Amino acid sequence: MDKLIISPAPHIHSGDSVSKNMTGVIIALVPALMVGFYFFGLGALIVTLTAVISCVLFEYLIQRFILKGENSVMDGSAALTGLLLAMNLPSNIPIWMVVIGSLVAIGIAKMSFGGLGNNPFNPALIGRVFLLISFPVEMTTWPKPVPFSLSYLDAETASTTLAILKGGHFGEIPSTLDLLFGNKGGSIGEISAIAILIGLAYLLIRKIIRWHIPVSILLTVFVFAGFLYLANPVAYPSPVVHLLTGGLLLGAVFMATDYVTSPMNPRGMWIYGIGIGIITILIRTFGAYPEGISFAILIMNGFTPLINAYIKPKRFGEKVKL
């Protein structure tokens, strides 16, 4: 009897393909990337090119000489991992650190588990968190936004909004317009809320992602941060500030929605998103790090198999208890 062999996730049906969806996500990232290039100039370009080229090269070499299997670098997943890694890095981080982060993202977080569809954790976030733990000074030294700057390693530095919040200096928070359009310190791809929301709209219109995860994360952050703000507005910032600062929007839209590491059905997505939102605010408010979205997503990535196992849609034809 013939055996039915099912390949690892993500399972794409209809007229879509892995490469088509990866290309769609890359297109959605373009607005945020362009804002990063505008405010951080040459440094952002160098870091982005280094990350993308390194990720593609490492995946090719690992598949060619270690796994010796069919090469999949042309499906766009390695390039997307490099792009997402770069967008989570400061634009003044040394090139050799970017290369190490790329190796960790591709070699450890992705290929060691068998490649696309088998990795339990988001590769770009694994690379970013590895660099944050290994090189905390370089990963928390943020360049001051200077349009079309030609400075790279010697760029003038400035505090991020989250660092300002962590210090309790609420009066130094950038204006709402600066938070929306990106005139603030931060990682290359996280600074402009408007640019990320444009990317979200594109992903939803193209039906590349579903709305449940980003909405559940942002709604949870707004509600949780709102309770804290109402309890003590002197000690805690408003929920709007939380939504528009740090990597929250970038993580909610582009990292938490990863096909492989997120739940498969809407109920599971809501649980996953609520968990990410709660953990993010707990780390931001009570933890040692100003930002918590990366850790929150990776923690909930670990719960995804459990969520998929116990939050399942009803089988077709199964009797539902009333």
Protein backbone atom coordinates (compact mmCIF):
# COMPACT_ATOMS: atom_id res chain seq x y z
CA MET A 1 0.00 0.00 0.00
CA ASP A 2 1.30 3.49 -0.85
CA LYS A 3 2.32 5.64 2.09
CA LEU A 4 1.10 9.17 2.56
CA ILE A 5 4.12 11.34 3.31
CA ILE A 6 3.51 14.81 4.73
CA SER A 7 6.32 17.35 4.69
CA PRO A 8 7.02 19.67 7.66
CA ALA A 9 5.13 22.96 8.10
CA PRO A 10 4.38 25.49 6.78
CA HIS A 11 1.78 23.81 4.61
CA ILE A 12 0.82 26.12 1.75
CA HIS A 13 -2.29 25.48 -0.30
CA SER A 14 -4.19 27.21 -3.12
CA GLY A 15 -1.96 29.23 -5.46
CA ASP A 16 0.54 30.28 -2.84
CA SER A 17 4.07 29.02 -2.31
CA VAL A 18 6.73 29.49 0.36
CA SER A 19 8.77 31.79 -1.88
CA LYS A 20 5.70 33.85 -2.80
CA ASN A 21 4.77 34.40 0.84
CA MET A 22 8.35 35.18 1.85
CA THR A 23 8.50 37.76 -0.92
CA GLY A 24 5.24 39.24 0.32
CA VAL A 25 6.62 39.66 3.84
CA ILE A 26 9.79 41.25 2.48
CA ILE A 27 7.69 43.73 0.49
CA ALA A 28 5.70 44.54 3.64
CA LEU A 29 8.98 45.30 5.45
CA VAL A 30 10.09 47.85 2.83
CA PRO A 31 8.37 50.92 4.39
CA ALA A 32 9.95 50.32 7.81
CA LEU A 33 13.30 49.57 6.18
CA MET A 34 13.20 52.79 4.15
CA VAL A 35 12.49 54.81 7.30
CA GLY A 36 15.46 53.11 8.97
CA PHE A 37 17.71 53.98 6.00
CA TYR A 38 16.47 57.58 6.10
CA PHE A 39 17.16 58.16 9.80
CA PHE A 40 20.28 56.00 10.23
CA GLY A 41 21.83 56.27 6.77
CA LEU A 42 24.97 54.32 5.90
CA GLY A 43 25.05 52.29 9.11
CA ALA A 44 21.57 50.86 8.50
CA LEU A 45 22.49 49.92 4.92
CA ILE A 46 25.74 48.19 5.99
CA VAL A 47 24.09 46.23 8.80
CA THR A 48 21.16 45.15 6.60
CA LEU A 49 23.30 43.99 3.67
CA THR A 50 25.65 42.15 6.03
CA ALA A 51 22.82 40.30 7.77
CA VAL A 52 21.01 39.29 4.56
CA ILE A 53 24.16 38.15 2.74
CA SER A 54 25.45 36.28 5.81
CA CYS A 55 22.18 34.43 6.39
CA VAL A 56 21.87 33.37 2.75
CA LEU A 57 25.52 32.30 2.61
CA PHE A 58 25.38 30.31 5.86
CA GLU A 59 22.22 28.49 4.80
CA TYR A 60 23.76 27.60 1.44
CA LEU A 61 27.03 26.35 2.99
CA ILE A 62 25.27 24.30 5.68
CA GLN A 63 22.96 22.63 3.18
CA ARG A 64 25.71 22.13 0.62
CA PHE A 65 28.48 20.74 2.83
CA ILE A 66 26.86 19.51 6.07
CA LEU A 67 23.28 18.45 5.42
CA LYS A 68 24.02 17.66 1.76
CA GLY A 69 20.37 17.95 0.84
CA GLU A 70 18.31 19.93 -1.61
CA ASN A 71 19.26 23.59 -1.40
CA SER A 72 16.44 25.94 -0.43
CA VAL A 73 18.15 29.34 -0.31
CA MET A 74 16.05 30.52 -3.23
CA ASP A 75 12.77 30.22 -1.29
CA GLY A 76 13.50 33.57 0.36
CA SER A 77 13.35 32.38 3.97
CA ALA A 78 17.08 32.93 4.63
CA ALA A 79 16.96 36.43 3.14
CA LEU A 80 13.89 37.23 5.25
CA THR A 81 15.63 35.97 8.39
CA GLY A 82 18.59 38.24 7.63
CA LEU A 83 16.32 41.21 7.00
CA LEU A 84 14.38 40.67 10.24
CA LEU A 85 17.61 40.23 12.19
CA ALA A 86 18.99 43.49 10.80
CA MET A 87 15.78 45.36 11.63
CA ASN A 88 16.20 44.27 15.26
CA LEU A 89 19.76 45.60 15.53
CA PRO A 90 21.27 49.05 16.14
CA SER A 91 22.68 50.61 12.97
CA ASN A 92 26.09 51.10 14.61
CA ILE A 93 26.76 47.50 15.62
CA PRO A 94 30.07 46.10 14.26
CA ILE A 95 29.88 43.91 11.16
CA TRP A 96 31.48 40.88 12.82
CA MET A 97 28.73 40.82 15.44
CA VAL A 98 26.10 40.87 12.70
CA VAL A 99 27.82 37.87 11.09
CA ILE A 100 27.81 35.99 14.41
CA GLY A 101 24.12 36.78 14.90
CA SER A 102 23.40 35.49 11.39
CA LEU A 103 25.29 32.26 12.08
CA VAL A 104 23.33 31.69 15.28
CA ALA A 105 20.02 32.47 13.57
CA ILE A 106 20.62 30.18 10.59
CA GLY A 107 23.04 27.56 11.90
CA ILE A 108 21.60 27.00 15.38
CA ALA A 109 18.00 28.24 15.39
CA LYS A 110 17.04 27.02 11.92
CA MET A 111 19.29 24.47 10.20
CA SER A 112 20.20 22.42 13.28
CA PHE A 113 16.50 21.51 13.54
CA GLY A 114 16.27 20.52 9.87
CA GLY A 115 15.59 23.82 8.14
CA LEU A 116 12.40 25.72 7.33
CA GLY A 117 9.33 24.16 8.89
CA ASN A 118 11.18 22.38 11.69
CA ASN A 119 12.53 25.24 13.82
CA PRO A 120 10.60 25.67 17.10
CA PHE A 121 11.79 29.25 17.68
CA ASN A 122 11.94 32.31 15.45
CA PRO A 123 15.50 32.30 14.02
CA ALA A 124 15.88 36.09 13.75
CA LEU A 125 14.87 36.57 17.38
CA ILE A 126 17.24 33.82 18.53
CA GLY A 127 20.05 35.67 16.74
CA ARG A 128 19.01 38.97 18.27
CA VAL A 129 18.68 37.65 21.84
CA PHE A 130 22.03 35.83 21.53
CA LEU A 131 23.71 39.11 20.58
CA LEU A 132 21.88 41.00 23.34
CA ILE A 133 23.08 38.58 26.01
CA SER A 134 26.60 38.24 24.58
CA PHE A 135 27.26 41.89 23.70
CA PRO A 136 24.90 43.97 25.88
CA VAL A 137 26.81 47.24 25.49
CA GLU A 138 26.87 47.18 21.67
CA MET A 139 23.26 46.00 21.53
CA THR A 140 22.03 48.84 23.75
CA THR A 141 24.09 51.69 22.28
CA TRP A 142 21.69 53.42 19.93
CA PRO A 143 22.65 55.98 17.27
CA LYS A 144 20.89 59.32 17.25
CA PRO A 145 18.63 59.62 14.19
CA VAL A 146 20.31 61.86 11.60
CA PRO A 147 18.71 61.83 8.12
CA PHE A 148 20.99 60.26 5.48
CA SER A 149 23.86 60.05 7.95
CA LEU A 150 27.20 58.84 6.55
CA SER A 151 28.44 57.88 10.03
CA TYR A 152 28.60 54.22 11.00
CA LEU A 153 30.59 53.03 14.01
CA ASP A 154 31.25 56.58 15.22
CA ALA A 155 27.63 57.74 15.05
CA GLU A 156 26.39 59.98 17.86
CA THR A 157 24.34 57.97 20.34
CA ALA A 158 21.06 58.70 22.12
CA SER A 159 18.68 57.01 24.56
CA THR A 160 15.70 55.04 23.29
CA THR A 161 12.19 55.82 24.47
CA LEU A 162 12.08 52.58 26.46
CA ALA A 163 15.33 53.48 28.22
CA ILE A 164 13.81 56.86 29.08
CA LEU A 165 10.71 55.11 30.46
CA LYS A 166 12.84 52.68 32.46
CA GLY A 167 14.57 55.64 34.08
CA GLY A 168 11.22 57.22 34.92
CA HIS A 169 11.92 60.38 32.92
CA PHE A 170 8.48 60.59 31.29
CA GLY A 171 8.94 64.23 30.42
CA GLU A 172 11.70 63.33 27.95
CA ILE A 173 9.51 61.02 25.85
CA PRO A 174 9.51 62.04 22.15
CA SER A 175 6.35 63.61 20.75
CA THR A 176 3.57 61.43 19.34
CA LEU A 177 4.50 62.49 15.80
CA ASP A 178 8.11 61.43 16.36
CA LEU A 179 6.93 58.10 17.74
CA LEU A 180 4.67 57.59 14.72
CA PHE A 181 7.14 58.59 12.02
CA GLY A 182 10.40 57.36 13.54
CA ASN A 183 12.44 60.35 14.68
CA LYS A 184 13.82 58.55 17.73
CA GLY A 185 16.57 56.14 18.76
CA GLY A 186 16.10 52.41 18.34
CA SER A 187 16.71 49.42 16.11
CA ILE A 188 16.73 49.92 12.34
CA GLY A 189 13.24 48.60 11.68
CA GLU A 190 11.32 49.41 14.84
CA ILE A 191 11.28 53.19 14.93
CA SER A 192 8.31 54.10 12.69
CA ALA A 193 4.87 52.92 13.83
CA ILE A 194 3.24 54.24 10.65
CA ALA A 195 5.62 52.30 8.39
CA ILE A 196 5.01 49.05 10.27
CA LEU A 197 1.24 49.54 10.18
CA ILE A 198 1.44 50.05 6.40
CA GLY A 199 3.24 46.72 6.22
CA LEU A 200 0.55 45.13 8.40
CA ALA A 201 -2.18 46.41 6.08
CA TYR A 202 -0.36 44.92 3.09
CA LEU A 203 0.01 41.53 4.80
CA LEU A 204 -3.67 41.44 5.74
CA ILE A 205 -4.90 42.56 2.32
CA ARG A 206 -2.72 39.92 0.63
CA LYS A 207 -3.89 37.39 3.25
CA ILE A 208 -0.29 36.45 4.03
CA ILE A 209 -1.03 36.56 7.77
CA ARG A 210 -4.22 36.52 9.84
CA TRP A 211 -5.21 39.37 12.12
CA HIS A 212 -5.64 37.39 15.34
CA ILE A 213 -2.03 37.41 16.59
CA PRO A 214 -1.10 41.09 16.10
CA VAL A 215 -4.50 42.27 17.35
CA SER A 216 -4.40 40.04 20.45
CA ILE A 217 -0.87 41.20 21.32
CA LEU A 218 -1.57 44.91 20.88
CA LEU A 219 -4.95 44.72 22.63
CA THR A 220 -3.45 42.86 25.60
CA VAL A 221 -0.59 45.37 25.90
CA PHE A 222 -3.06 48.27 25.73
CA VAL A 223 -5.36 46.79 28.41
CA PHE A 224 -2.60 45.62 30.77
CA ALA A 225 -0.59 48.85 30.45
CA GLY A 226 -3.84 50.81 30.76
CA PHE A 227 -4.64 49.21 34.14
CA LEU A 228 -1.16 50.09 35.40
CA TYR A 229 -1.48 53.65 34.11
CA LEU A 230 -4.88 54.15 35.74
CA ALA A 231 -3.55 52.75 39.01
CA ASN A 232 -0.55 55.10 39.07
CA PRO A 233 -0.04 57.46 36.10
CA VAL A 234 3.03 58.95 37.78
CA ALA A 235 4.89 55.64 37.90
CA TYR A 236 3.64 54.01 34.68
CA PRO A 237 3.45 55.42 31.13
CA SER A 238 0.26 55.51 29.10
CA PRO A 239 -0.64 52.42 27.02
CA VAL A 240 -0.34 54.46 23.82
CA VAL A 241 3.32 55.12 24.58
CA HIS A 242 3.86 51.39 25.10
CA LEU A 243 2.26 50.61 21.75
CA LEU A 244 4.38 53.12 19.82
CA THR A 245 7.77 52.42 21.41
CA GLY A 246 10.39 49.71 21.13
CA GLY A 247 9.99 46.65 18.97
CA LEU A 248 6.41 45.88 19.99
CA LEU A 249 4.79 46.62 16.63
CA LEU A 250 7.63 45.06 14.64
CA GLY A 251 7.48 41.90 16.76
CA ALA A 252 3.69 41.65 16.78
CA VAL A 253 3.38 42.05 13.01
CA PHE A 254 6.45 40.33 11.58
CA MET A 255 7.94 37.94 14.16
CA ALA A 256 5.05 36.61 16.25
CA THR A 257 3.10 35.76 13.07
CA ASP A 258 5.78 33.40 11.73
CA TYR A 259 3.97 30.43 10.18
CA VAL A 260 6.20 27.78 11.73
CA THR A 261 6.45 28.98 15.32
CA SER A 262 2.89 30.26 15.92
CA PRO A 263 -0.36 28.33 16.56
CA MET A 264 -2.48 27.06 13.69
CA ASN A 265 -6.03 28.07 14.60
CA PRO A 266 -7.68 31.29 15.82
CA ARG A 267 -8.32 30.20 19.42
CA GLY A 268 -4.71 29.15 19.78
CA MET A 269 -3.58 32.42 18.20
CA TRP A 270 -5.52 34.41 20.78
CA ILE A 271 -3.94 32.49 23.68
CA TYR A 272 -0.51 32.89 22.08
CA GLY A 273 -0.98 36.63 21.49
CA ILE A 274 -2.37 37.32 24.97
CA GLY A 275 0.59 35.49 26.48
CA ILE A 276 3.05 37.57 24.46
CA GLY A 277 1.33 40.82 25.47
CA ILE A 278 1.33 39.98 29.18
CA ILE A 279 4.96 38.83 29.25
CA THR A 280 6.07 41.91 27.30
CA ILE A 281 4.54 44.34 29.79
CA LEU A 282 5.81 42.33 32.77
CA ILE A 283 9.38 42.51 31.45
CA ARG A 284 9.12 46.17 30.43
CA THR A 285 7.65 47.19 33.78
CA PHE A 286 9.28 44.92 36.34
CA GLY A 287 12.20 43.24 34.52
CA ALA A 288 15.83 44.21 34.11
CA TYR A 289 15.52 44.88 30.36
CA PRO A 290 13.65 47.92 29.00
CA GLU A 291 12.22 45.78 26.16
CA GLY A 292 10.45 42.44 26.45
CA ILE A 293 8.84 41.59 23.11
CA SER A 294 11.70 39.36 21.87
CA PHE A 295 11.77 37.27 25.04
CA ALA A 296 7.96 37.13 25.12
CA ILE A 297 7.70 35.79 21.58
CA LEU A 298 10.39 33.16 22.16
CA ILE A 299 8.73 32.01 25.40
CA MET A 300 5.38 31.62 23.65
CA ASN A 301 7.11 29.91 20.70
CA GLY A 302 7.97 27.22 23.24
CA PHE A 303 4.30 26.87 24.17
CA THR A 304 3.10 26.65 20.55
CA PRO A 305 3.27 22.81 20.30
CA LEU A 306 1.26 22.55 23.52
CA ILE A 307 -1.31 25.06 22.25
CA ASN A 308 -1.60 23.20 18.94
CA ALA A 309 -2.04 19.90 20.77
CA TYR A 310 -4.85 21.02 23.06
CA ILE A 311 -6.57 23.81 21.12
CA LYS A 312 -7.77 22.02 18.01
CA PRO A 313 -10.61 22.75 15.60
CA LYS A 314 -13.43 20.19 15.53
CA ARG A 315 -12.95 17.40 13.03
CA PHE A 316 -15.28 17.53 10.05
CA GLY A 317 -18.43 15.58 10.94
CA GLU A 318 -17.62 15.37 14.67
CA LYS A 319 -20.62 15.76 16.96
CA VAL A 320 -20.48 18.90 19.06
CA LYS A 321 -21.77 18.74 22.64
CA LEU A 322 -24.41 21.38 23.31
